[in-house]
Amino acid sequence: MCPGCGSRHAVQVGIGNGPRWGWNGSMDRPTLTPSVLVTGFMPSDEPEEFDDATKDKPFTCHSFVTDGQIQYLNDCTHSMAGMTVPLPEL
Protein backbone atom coordinates (compact mmCIF):
# COMPACT_ATOMS: atom_id res chain seq x y z
CA MET A 1 0.00 0.00 0.00
CA CYS A 2 1.44 3.34 -1.02
CA PRO A 3 1.28 5.92 1.78
CA GLY A 4 1.64 8.71 -0.77
CA CYS A 5 -1.46 8.13 -2.86
CA GLY A 6 -3.29 5.53 -0.79
CA SER A 7 -3.45 2.77 -3.41
CA ARG A 8 -1.58 -0.44 -4.13
CA HIS A 9 1.11 -0.46 -6.79
CA ALA A 10 2.13 -3.79 -8.29
CA VAL A 11 5.21 -4.58 -10.34
CA GLN A 12 6.27 -7.86 -11.89
CA VAL A 13 9.69 -9.36 -11.20
CA GLY A 14 11.46 -12.41 -12.56
CA ILE A 15 11.04 -14.06 -15.94
CA GLY A 16 7.85 -13.56 -17.91
CA ASN A 17 5.96 -11.41 -20.35
CA GLY A 18 5.39 -7.72 -19.93
CA PRO A 19 7.42 -5.10 -18.10
CA ARG A 20 9.69 -6.47 -15.35
CA TRP A 21 11.55 -4.85 -12.49
CA GLY A 22 14.75 -5.92 -10.85
CA TRP A 23 14.36 -6.99 -7.22
CA ASN A 24 17.11 -7.67 -4.69
CA GLY A 25 15.16 -10.65 -3.26
CA SER A 26 14.73 -9.11 0.19
CA MET A 27 11.29 -9.19 1.81
CA ASP A 28 12.54 -7.03 4.71
CA ARG A 29 14.45 -4.31 2.82
CA PRO A 30 13.47 -4.59 -0.85
CA THR A 31 15.05 -2.67 -3.67
CA LEU A 32 13.29 -2.39 -7.04
CA THR A 33 14.85 -1.07 -10.25
CA PRO A 34 14.06 1.02 -12.19
CA SER A 35 11.70 3.55 -10.61
CA VAL A 36 7.99 2.83 -10.21
CA LEU A 37 5.78 5.26 -12.13
CA VAL A 38 2.00 5.13 -11.67
CA THR A 39 -0.24 7.57 -13.51
CA GLY A 40 -3.97 7.80 -13.89
CA PHE A 41 -6.98 9.78 -12.85
CA MET A 42 -8.52 10.30 -9.44
CA PRO A 43 -12.05 11.54 -8.93
CA SER A 44 -12.25 15.25 -8.29
CA ASP A 45 -13.29 16.06 -4.73
CA GLU A 46 -13.23 19.84 -4.99
CA PRO A 47 -15.29 21.83 -7.48
CA GLU A 48 -13.43 24.33 -9.61
CA GLU A 49 -14.93 27.67 -10.54
CA PHE A 50 -14.62 27.33 -14.33
CA ASP A 51 -14.43 23.58 -14.72
CA ASP A 52 -16.73 20.59 -14.53
CA ALA A 53 -16.48 19.37 -10.92
CA THR A 54 -17.30 15.80 -12.01
CA LYS A 55 -14.13 15.54 -14.15
CA ASP A 56 -11.39 13.23 -13.02
CA LYS A 57 -8.04 14.81 -12.14
CA PRO A 58 -4.73 13.39 -13.40
CA PHE A 59 -2.31 12.05 -10.80
CA THR A 60 1.27 10.82 -10.76
CA CYS A 61 3.01 8.69 -8.14
CA HIS A 62 6.70 8.21 -9.03
CA SER A 63 9.22 6.63 -6.68
CA PHE A 64 12.35 4.61 -6.14
CA VAL A 65 12.18 1.75 -3.67
CA THR A 66 15.66 1.28 -2.20
CA ASP A 67 16.66 -0.77 0.83
CA GLY A 68 13.09 -0.75 2.21
CA GLN A 69 12.59 3.00 1.75
CA ILE A 70 10.26 4.76 -0.71
CA GLN A 71 11.80 7.89 -2.21
CA TYR A 72 8.99 9.91 -3.79
CA LEU A 73 10.17 12.00 -6.69
CA ASN A 74 9.22 15.64 -7.17
CA ASP A 75 6.86 14.89 -10.08
CA CYS A 76 4.38 13.20 -7.69
CA THR A 77 1.08 15.02 -7.46
CA HIS A 78 0.42 13.96 -3.85
CA SER A 79 1.61 15.60 -0.64
CA MET A 80 4.58 13.24 -0.14
CA ALA A 81 6.45 14.45 -3.24
CA GLY A 82 10.16 14.82 -2.42
CA MET A 83 9.93 12.77 0.80
CA THR A 84 11.53 9.44 1.73
CA VAL A 85 9.56 7.11 4.01
CA PRO A 86 9.79 3.46 5.13
CA LEU A 87 7.98 0.95 2.94
CA PRO A 88 4.92 -0.15 4.96
CA GLU A 89 4.17 -3.82 5.57
CA LEU A 90 1.12 -5.29 3.87
C-alpha atoms as a PDB file:
ATOM      1  CA  MET A   1       0.000   0.000   0.000  1.00  0.00           C
ATOM      2  CA  CYS A   2       1.438   3.343  -1.022  1.00  0.00           C
ATOM      3  CA  PRO A   3       1.278   5.918   1.782  1.00  0.00           C
ATOM      4  CA  GLY A   4       1.641   8.714  -0.773  1.00  0.00           C
ATOM      5  CA  CYS A   5      -1.460   8.128  -2.863  1.00  0.00           C
ATOM      6  CA  GLY A   6      -3.286   5.526  -0.785  1.00  0.00           C
ATOM      7  CA  SER A   7      -3.446   2.768  -3.410  1.00  0.00           C
ATOM      8  CA  ARG A   8      -1.579  -0.444  -4.130  1.00  0.00           C
ATOM      9  CA  HIS A   9       1.106  -0.464  -6.787  1.00  0.00           C
ATOM     10  CA  ALA A  10       2.128  -3.793  -8.287  1.00  0.00           C
ATOM     11  CA  VAL A  11       5.215  -4.584 -10.344  1.00  0.00           C
ATOM     12  CA  GLN A  12       6.274  -7.859 -11.889  1.00  0.00           C
ATOM     13  CA  VAL A  13       9.689  -9.359 -11.197  1.00  0.00           C
ATOM     14  CA  GLY A  14      11.458 -12.413 -12.561  1.00  0.00           C
ATOM     15  CA  ILE A  15      11.041 -14.065 -15.939  1.00  0.00           C
ATOM     16  CA  GLY A  16       7.849 -13.560 -17.915  1.00  0.00           C
ATOM     17  CA  ASN A  17       5.956 -11.410 -20.350  1.00  0.00           C
ATOM     18  CA  GLY A  18       5.393  -7.721 -19.931  1.00  0.00           C
ATOM     19  CA  PRO A  19       7.417  -5.098 -18.100  1.00  0.00           C
ATOM     20  CA  ARG A  20       9.689  -6.467 -15.350  1.00  0.00           C
ATOM     21  CA  TRP A  21      11.545  -4.849 -12.486  1.00  0.00           C
ATOM     22  CA  GLY A  22      14.753  -5.918 -10.848  1.00  0.00           C
ATOM     23  CA  TRP A  23      14.356  -6.992  -7.222  1.00  0.00           C
ATOM     24  CA  ASN A  24      17.111  -7.670  -4.687  1.00  0.00           C
ATOM     25  CA  GLY A  25      15.158 -10.651  -3.264  1.00  0.00           C
ATOM     26  CA  SER A  26      14.734  -9.106   0.192  1.00  0.00           C
ATOM     27  CA  MET A  27      11.291  -9.192   1.812  1.00  0.00           C
ATOM     28  CA  ASP A  28      12.538  -7.028   4.705  1.00  0.00           C
ATOM     29  CA  ARG A  29      14.448  -4.312   2.821  1.00  0.00           C
ATOM     30  CA  PRO A  30      13.466  -4.593  -0.849  1.00  0.00           C
ATOM     31  CA  THR A  31      15.050  -2.666  -3.674  1.00  0.00           C
ATOM     32  CA  LEU A  32      13.295  -2.386  -7.044  1.00  0.00           C
ATOM     33  CA  THR A  33      14.851  -1.068 -10.251  1.00  0.00           C
ATOM     34  CA  PRO A  34      14.065   1.020 -12.192  1.00  0.00           C
ATOM     35  CA  SER A  35      11.705   3.549 -10.606  1.00  0.00           C
ATOM     36  CA  VAL A  36       7.985   2.827 -10.208  1.00  0.00           C
ATOM     37  CA  LEU A  37       5.781   5.261 -12.127  1.00  0.00           C
ATOM     38  CA  VAL A  38       2.002   5.132 -11.674  1.00  0.00           C
ATOM     39  CA  THR A  39      -0.240   7.568 -13.512  1.00  0.00           C
ATOM     40  CA  GLY A  40      -3.970   7.803 -13.887  1.00  0.00           C
ATOM     41  CA  PHE A  41      -6.980   9.778 -12.847  1.00  0.00           C
ATOM     42  CA  MET A  42      -8.517  10.302  -9.441  1.00  0.00           C
ATOM     43  CA  PRO A  43     -12.052  11.544  -8.934  1.00  0.00           C
ATOM     44  CA  SER A  44     -12.249  15.253  -8.292  1.00  0.00           C
ATOM     45  CA  ASP A  45     -13.285  16.060  -4.726  1.00  0.00           C
ATOM     46  CA  GLU A  46     -13.234  19.840  -4.994  1.00  0.00           C
ATOM     47  CA  PRO A  47     -15.294  21.833  -7.476  1.00  0.00           C
ATOM     48  CA  GLU A  48     -13.432  24.330  -9.613  1.00  0.00           C
ATOM     49  CA  GLU A  49     -14.930  27.670 -10.543  1.00  0.00           C
ATOM     50  CA  PHE A  50     -14.625  27.331 -14.329  1.00  0.00           C
ATOM     51  CA  ASP A  51     -14.428  23.582 -14.719  1.00  0.00           C
ATOM     52  CA  ASP A  52     -16.731  20.594 -14.533  1.00  0.00           C
ATOM     53  CA  ALA A  53     -16.484  19.370 -10.920  1.00  0.00           C
ATOM     54  CA  THR A  54     -17.296  15.802 -12.013  1.00  0.00           C
ATOM     55  CA  LYS A  55     -14.134  15.537 -14.153  1.00  0.00           C
ATOM     56  CA  ASP A  56     -11.385  13.228 -13.020  1.00  0.00           C
ATOM     57  CA  LYS A  57      -8.044  14.813 -12.135  1.00  0.00           C
ATOM     58  CA  PRO A  58      -4.726  13.389 -13.402  1.00  0.00           C
ATOM     59  CA  PHE A  59      -2.306  12.055 -10.802  1.00  0.00           C
ATOM     60  CA  THR A  60       1.270  10.823 -10.755  1.00  0.00           C
ATOM     61  CA  CYS A  61       3.013   8.688  -8.137  1.00  0.00           C
ATOM     62  CA  HIS A  62       6.699   8.207  -9.026  1.00  0.00           C
ATOM     63  CA  SER A  63       9.215   6.634  -6.676  1.00  0.00           C
ATOM     64  CA  PHE A  64      12.345   4.611  -6.143  1.00  0.00           C
ATOM     65  CA  VAL A  65      12.177   1.746  -3.669  1.00  0.00           C
ATOM     66  CA  THR A  66      15.655   1.277  -2.200  1.00  0.00           C
ATOM     67  CA  ASP A  67      16.656  -0.772   0.829  1.00  0.00           C
ATOM     68  CA  GLY A  68      13.094  -0.754   2.210  1.00  0.00           C
ATOM     69  CA  GLN A  69      12.589   3.002   1.745  1.00  0.00           C
ATOM     70  CA  ILE A  70      10.257   4.762  -0.710  1.00  0.00           C
ATOM     71  CA  GLN A  71      11.796   7.895  -2.205  1.00  0.00           C
ATOM     72  CA  TYR A  72       8.987   9.908  -3.792  1.00  0.00           C
ATOM     73  CA  LEU A  73      10.172  11.996  -6.692  1.00  0.00           C
ATOM     74  CA  ASN A  74       9.218  15.635  -7.166  1.00  0.00           C
ATOM     75  CA  ASP A  75       6.862  14.890 -10.078  1.00  0.00           C
ATOM     76  CA  CYS A  76       4.382  13.200  -7.693  1.00  0.00           C
ATOM     77  CA  THR A  77       1.079  15.018  -7.463  1.00  0.00           C
ATOM     78  CA  HIS A  78       0.417  13.957  -3.852  1.00  0.00           C
ATOM     79  CA  SER A  79       1.607  15.595  -0.641  1.00  0.00           C
ATOM     80  CA  MET A  80       4.584  13.236  -0.144  1.00  0.00           C
ATOM     81  CA  ALA A  81       6.452  14.452  -3.241  1.00  0.00           C
ATOM     82  CA  GLY A  82      10.158  14.821  -2.419  1.00  0.00           C
ATOM     83  CA  MET A  83       9.933  12.769   0.798  1.00  0.00           C
ATOM     84  CA  THR A  84      11.531   9.442   1.728  1.00  0.00           C
ATOM     85  CA  VAL A  85       9.564   7.112   4.010  1.00  0.00           C
ATOM     86  CA  PRO A  86       9.793   3.463   5.134  1.00  0.00           C
ATOM     87  CA  LEU A  87       7.976   0.946   2.941  1.00  0.00           C
ATOM     88  CA  PRO A  88       4.925  -0.148   4.962  1.00  0.00           C
ATOM     89  CA  GLU A  89       4.172  -3.821   5.574  1.00  0.00           C
ATOM     90  CA  LEU A  90       1.122  -5.293   3.872  1.00  0.00           C
END
